[in-house]
């Protein structure tokens, strides 16, 4: 997969949370067992912002969506001499769209 390429993803909704944002708290969603369309594991978990498309989703649901893959630099990027610099390229999923439930959790009403 290349940066900016859109592809299909499946995942299980683990739970919801929040993080601090510039304009106040931002709702988040934790996805686990994240796999591509062929069933190949991409990562064990990923946090995403919980936008409008995620509001009808419940913990335990298995979901399908499309997303783009983007690279970013992970690690300390400051200039302090007493902190070891350990940067590496990592990847994230961005701009999720076409969210749909594949299998609802047993506890959903």
C-alpha atoms as a PDB file:
ATOM      1  CA  UNK A   1       0.000   0.000   0.000  1.00  0.00           C
ATOM      2  CA  UNK A   2       1.232   3.457  -0.860  1.00  0.00           C
ATOM      3  CA  UNK A   3       0.678   6.729   0.998  1.00  0.00           C
ATOM      4  CA  UNK A   4      -2.710   8.188   0.132  1.00  0.00           C
ATOM      5  CA  UNK A   5      -4.025   4.941  -1.370  1.00  0.00           C
ATOM      6  CA  UNK A   6      -7.596   4.100  -0.277  1.00  0.00           C
ATOM      7  CA  UNK A   7      -8.382   0.491   0.623  1.00  0.00           C
ATOM      8  CA  UNK A   8     -10.978  -1.625   2.456  1.00  0.00           C
ATOM      9  CA  UNK A   9     -10.473  -2.466   6.132  1.00  0.00           C
ATOM     10  CA  UNK A  10     -12.341  -4.649   8.630  1.00  0.00           C
ATOM     11  CA  UNK A  11     -12.058  -4.295  12.408  1.00  0.00           C
ATOM     12  CA  UNK A  12     -13.799  -4.943  15.711  1.00  0.00           C
ATOM     13  CA  UNK A  13     -14.996  -1.988  17.797  1.00  0.00           C
ATOM     14  CA  UNK A  14     -13.452  -2.412  21.242  1.00  0.00           C
ATOM     15  CA  UNK A  15     -14.540   0.759  23.065  1.00  0.00           C
ATOM     16  CA  UNK A  16     -14.974   4.520  22.930  1.00  0.00           C
ATOM     17  CA  UNK A  17     -12.844   7.154  24.618  1.00  0.00           C
ATOM     18  CA  UNK A  18     -11.769  10.785  24.369  1.00  0.00           C
ATOM     19  CA  UNK A  19      -8.632  12.853  24.016  1.00  0.00           C
ATOM     20  CA  UNK A  20      -7.768  16.508  24.422  1.00  0.00           C
ATOM     21  CA  UNK A  21      -8.200  18.559  21.275  1.00  0.00           C
ATOM     22  CA  UNK A  22      -7.538  22.153  20.272  1.00  0.00           C
ATOM     23  CA  UNK A  23     -11.216  23.071  20.686  1.00  0.00           C
ATOM     24  CA  UNK A  24     -11.908  20.755  23.643  1.00  0.00           C
ATOM     25  CA  UNK A  25     -12.344  16.998  24.085  1.00  0.00           C
ATOM     26  CA  UNK A  26     -12.493  14.824  20.950  1.00  0.00           C
ATOM     27  CA  UNK A  27     -14.405  11.531  21.006  1.00  0.00           C
ATOM     28  CA  UNK A  28     -12.327   8.532  19.888  1.00  0.00           C
ATOM     29  CA  UNK A  29     -12.939   4.915  18.964  1.00  0.00           C
ATOM     30  CA  UNK A  30     -10.609   1.959  19.579  1.00  0.00           C
ATOM     31  CA  UNK A  31     -10.584  -0.652  16.808  1.00  0.00           C
ATOM     32  CA  UNK A  32      -8.939  -4.052  17.293  1.00  0.00           C
ATOM     33  CA  UNK A  33      -8.160  -6.976  14.956  1.00  0.00           C
ATOM     34  CA  UNK A  34      -7.659  -4.553  12.062  1.00  0.00           C
ATOM     35  CA  UNK A  35      -7.351  -6.447   8.743  1.00  0.00           C
ATOM     36  CA  UNK A  36      -7.316  -5.637   5.032  1.00  0.00           C
ATOM     37  CA  UNK A  37      -9.915  -6.958   2.558  1.00  0.00           C
ATOM     38  CA  UNK A  38      -7.944 -10.206   2.122  1.00  0.00           C
ATOM     39  CA  UNK A  39      -7.974 -10.879   5.869  1.00  0.00           C
ATOM     40  CA  UNK A  40      -4.291 -10.013   6.321  1.00  0.00           C
ATOM     41  CA  UNK A  41      -3.657  -8.373   9.727  1.00  0.00           C
ATOM     42  CA  UNK A  42      -2.639  -4.715   9.502  1.00  0.00           C
ATOM     43  CA  UNK A  43      -2.307  -3.968  13.219  1.00  0.00           C
ATOM     44  CA  UNK A  44      -3.598  -5.245  16.546  1.00  0.00           C
ATOM     45  CA  UNK A  45      -5.308  -1.925  17.358  1.00  0.00           C
ATOM     46  CA  UNK A  46      -5.772   1.646  16.182  1.00  0.00           C
ATOM     47  CA  UNK A  47      -7.448   4.746  17.628  1.00  0.00           C
ATOM     48  CA  UNK A  48      -9.518   6.994  15.328  1.00  0.00           C
ATOM     49  CA  UNK A  49     -11.568  10.132  15.898  1.00  0.00           C
ATOM     50  CA  UNK A  50     -15.238   9.187  16.292  1.00  0.00           C
ATOM     51  CA  UNK A  51     -16.990  11.186  13.564  1.00  0.00           C
ATOM     52  CA  UNK A  52     -20.642  11.145  12.562  1.00  0.00           C
ATOM     53  CA  UNK A  53     -20.268   7.928  10.542  1.00  0.00           C
ATOM     54  CA  UNK A  54     -19.357   6.032  13.756  1.00  0.00           C
ATOM     55  CA  UNK A  55     -22.349   7.177  15.863  1.00  0.00           C
ATOM     56  CA  UNK A  56     -24.548   4.140  15.056  1.00  0.00           C
ATOM     57  CA  UNK A  57     -21.719   1.704  15.858  1.00  0.00           C
ATOM     58  CA  UNK A  58     -21.572  -0.147  19.202  1.00  0.00           C
ATOM     59  CA  UNK A  59     -18.715  -1.851  21.077  1.00  0.00           C
ATOM     60  CA  UNK A  60     -18.364  -5.443  19.890  1.00  0.00           C
ATOM     61  CA  UNK A  61     -19.570  -4.734  16.353  1.00  0.00           C
ATOM     62  CA  UNK A  62     -17.440  -5.977  13.459  1.00  0.00           C
ATOM     63  CA  UNK A  63     -17.188  -3.148  10.898  1.00  0.00           C
ATOM     64  CA  UNK A  64     -15.996  -2.577   7.351  1.00  0.00           C
ATOM     65  CA  UNK A  65     -14.796   0.788   6.051  1.00  0.00           C
ATOM     66  CA  UNK A  66     -12.389   2.342   3.599  1.00  0.00           C
ATOM     67  CA  UNK A  67      -9.428   4.449   4.681  1.00  0.00           C
ATOM     68  CA  UNK A  68      -6.205   5.940   3.405  1.00  0.00           C
ATOM     69  CA  UNK A  69      -2.784   4.958   4.665  1.00  0.00           C
ATOM     70  CA  UNK A  70      -0.381   7.792   5.546  1.00  0.00           C
ATOM     71  CA  UNK A  71       3.141   7.726   6.934  1.00  0.00           C
ATOM     72  CA  UNK A  72       4.392   9.839   9.817  1.00  0.00           C
ATOM     73  CA  UNK A  73       7.568  10.217  11.872  1.00  0.00           C
ATOM     74  CA  UNK A  74       7.266   8.503  15.243  1.00  0.00           C
ATOM     75  CA  UNK A  75       9.516   9.306  18.193  1.00  0.00           C
ATOM     76  CA  UNK A  76      11.170  12.292  19.832  1.00  0.00           C
ATOM     77  CA  UNK A  77      11.745  15.149  17.400  1.00  0.00           C
ATOM     78  CA  UNK A  78      13.046  17.831  19.749  1.00  0.00           C
ATOM     79  CA  UNK A  79      16.497  19.322  20.140  1.00  0.00           C
ATOM     80  CA  UNK A  80      17.365  18.424  23.731  1.00  0.00           C
ATOM     81  CA  UNK A  81      20.809  16.854  24.028  1.00  0.00           C
ATOM     82  CA  UNK A  82      19.914  14.738  27.079  1.00  0.00           C
ATOM     83  CA  UNK A  83      17.060  12.921  25.304  1.00  0.00           C
ATOM     84  CA  UNK A  84      17.998  10.184  22.820  1.00  0.00           C
ATOM     85  CA  UNK A  85      16.567  10.722  19.350  1.00  0.00           C
ATOM     86  CA  UNK A  86      14.780   7.587  18.196  1.00  0.00           C
ATOM     87  CA  UNK A  87      12.727   8.436  15.143  1.00  0.00           C
ATOM     88  CA  UNK A  88      11.164   5.931  12.781  1.00  0.00           C
ATOM     89  CA  UNK A  89       8.611   5.958   9.994  1.00  0.00           C
ATOM     90  CA  UNK A  90       5.248   4.502  10.996  1.00  0.00           C
ATOM     91  CA  UNK A  91       1.861   4.336   9.297  1.00  0.00           C
ATOM     92  CA  UNK A  92      -1.680   5.333  10.233  1.00  0.00           C
ATOM     93  CA  UNK A  93      -5.166   5.083   8.765  1.00  0.00           C
ATOM     94  CA  UNK A  94      -6.850   8.384   7.904  1.00  0.00           C
ATOM     95  CA  UNK A  95     -10.116   9.636   6.442  1.00  0.00           C
ATOM     96  CA  UNK A  96     -12.343   6.615   7.120  1.00  0.00           C
ATOM     97  CA  UNK A  97     -15.478   6.492   4.931  1.00  0.00           C
ATOM     98  CA  UNK A  98     -18.253   4.055   3.988  1.00  0.00           C
ATOM     99  CA  UNK A  99     -18.515   2.640   7.520  1.00  0.00           C
ATOM    100  CA  UNK A 100     -20.888  -0.335   7.755  1.00  0.00           C
ATOM    101  CA  UNK A 101     -21.583  -3.053  10.307  1.00  0.00           C
ATOM    102  CA  UNK A 102     -20.673  -6.574   9.150  1.00  0.00           C
ATOM    103  CA  UNK A 103     -21.748  -8.301  12.361  1.00  0.00           C
ATOM    104  CA  UNK A 104     -23.515  -6.710  15.330  1.00  0.00           C
ATOM    105  CA  UNK A 105     -22.430  -7.504  18.843  1.00  0.00           C
ATOM    106  CA  UNK A 106     -24.645  -9.790  20.896  1.00  0.00           C
ATOM    107  CA  UNK A 107     -25.264  -6.984  23.415  1.00  0.00           C
ATOM    108  CA  UNK A 108     -26.525  -4.426  20.855  1.00  0.00           C
ATOM    109  CA  UNK A 109     -30.213  -3.539  21.102  1.00  0.00           C
END
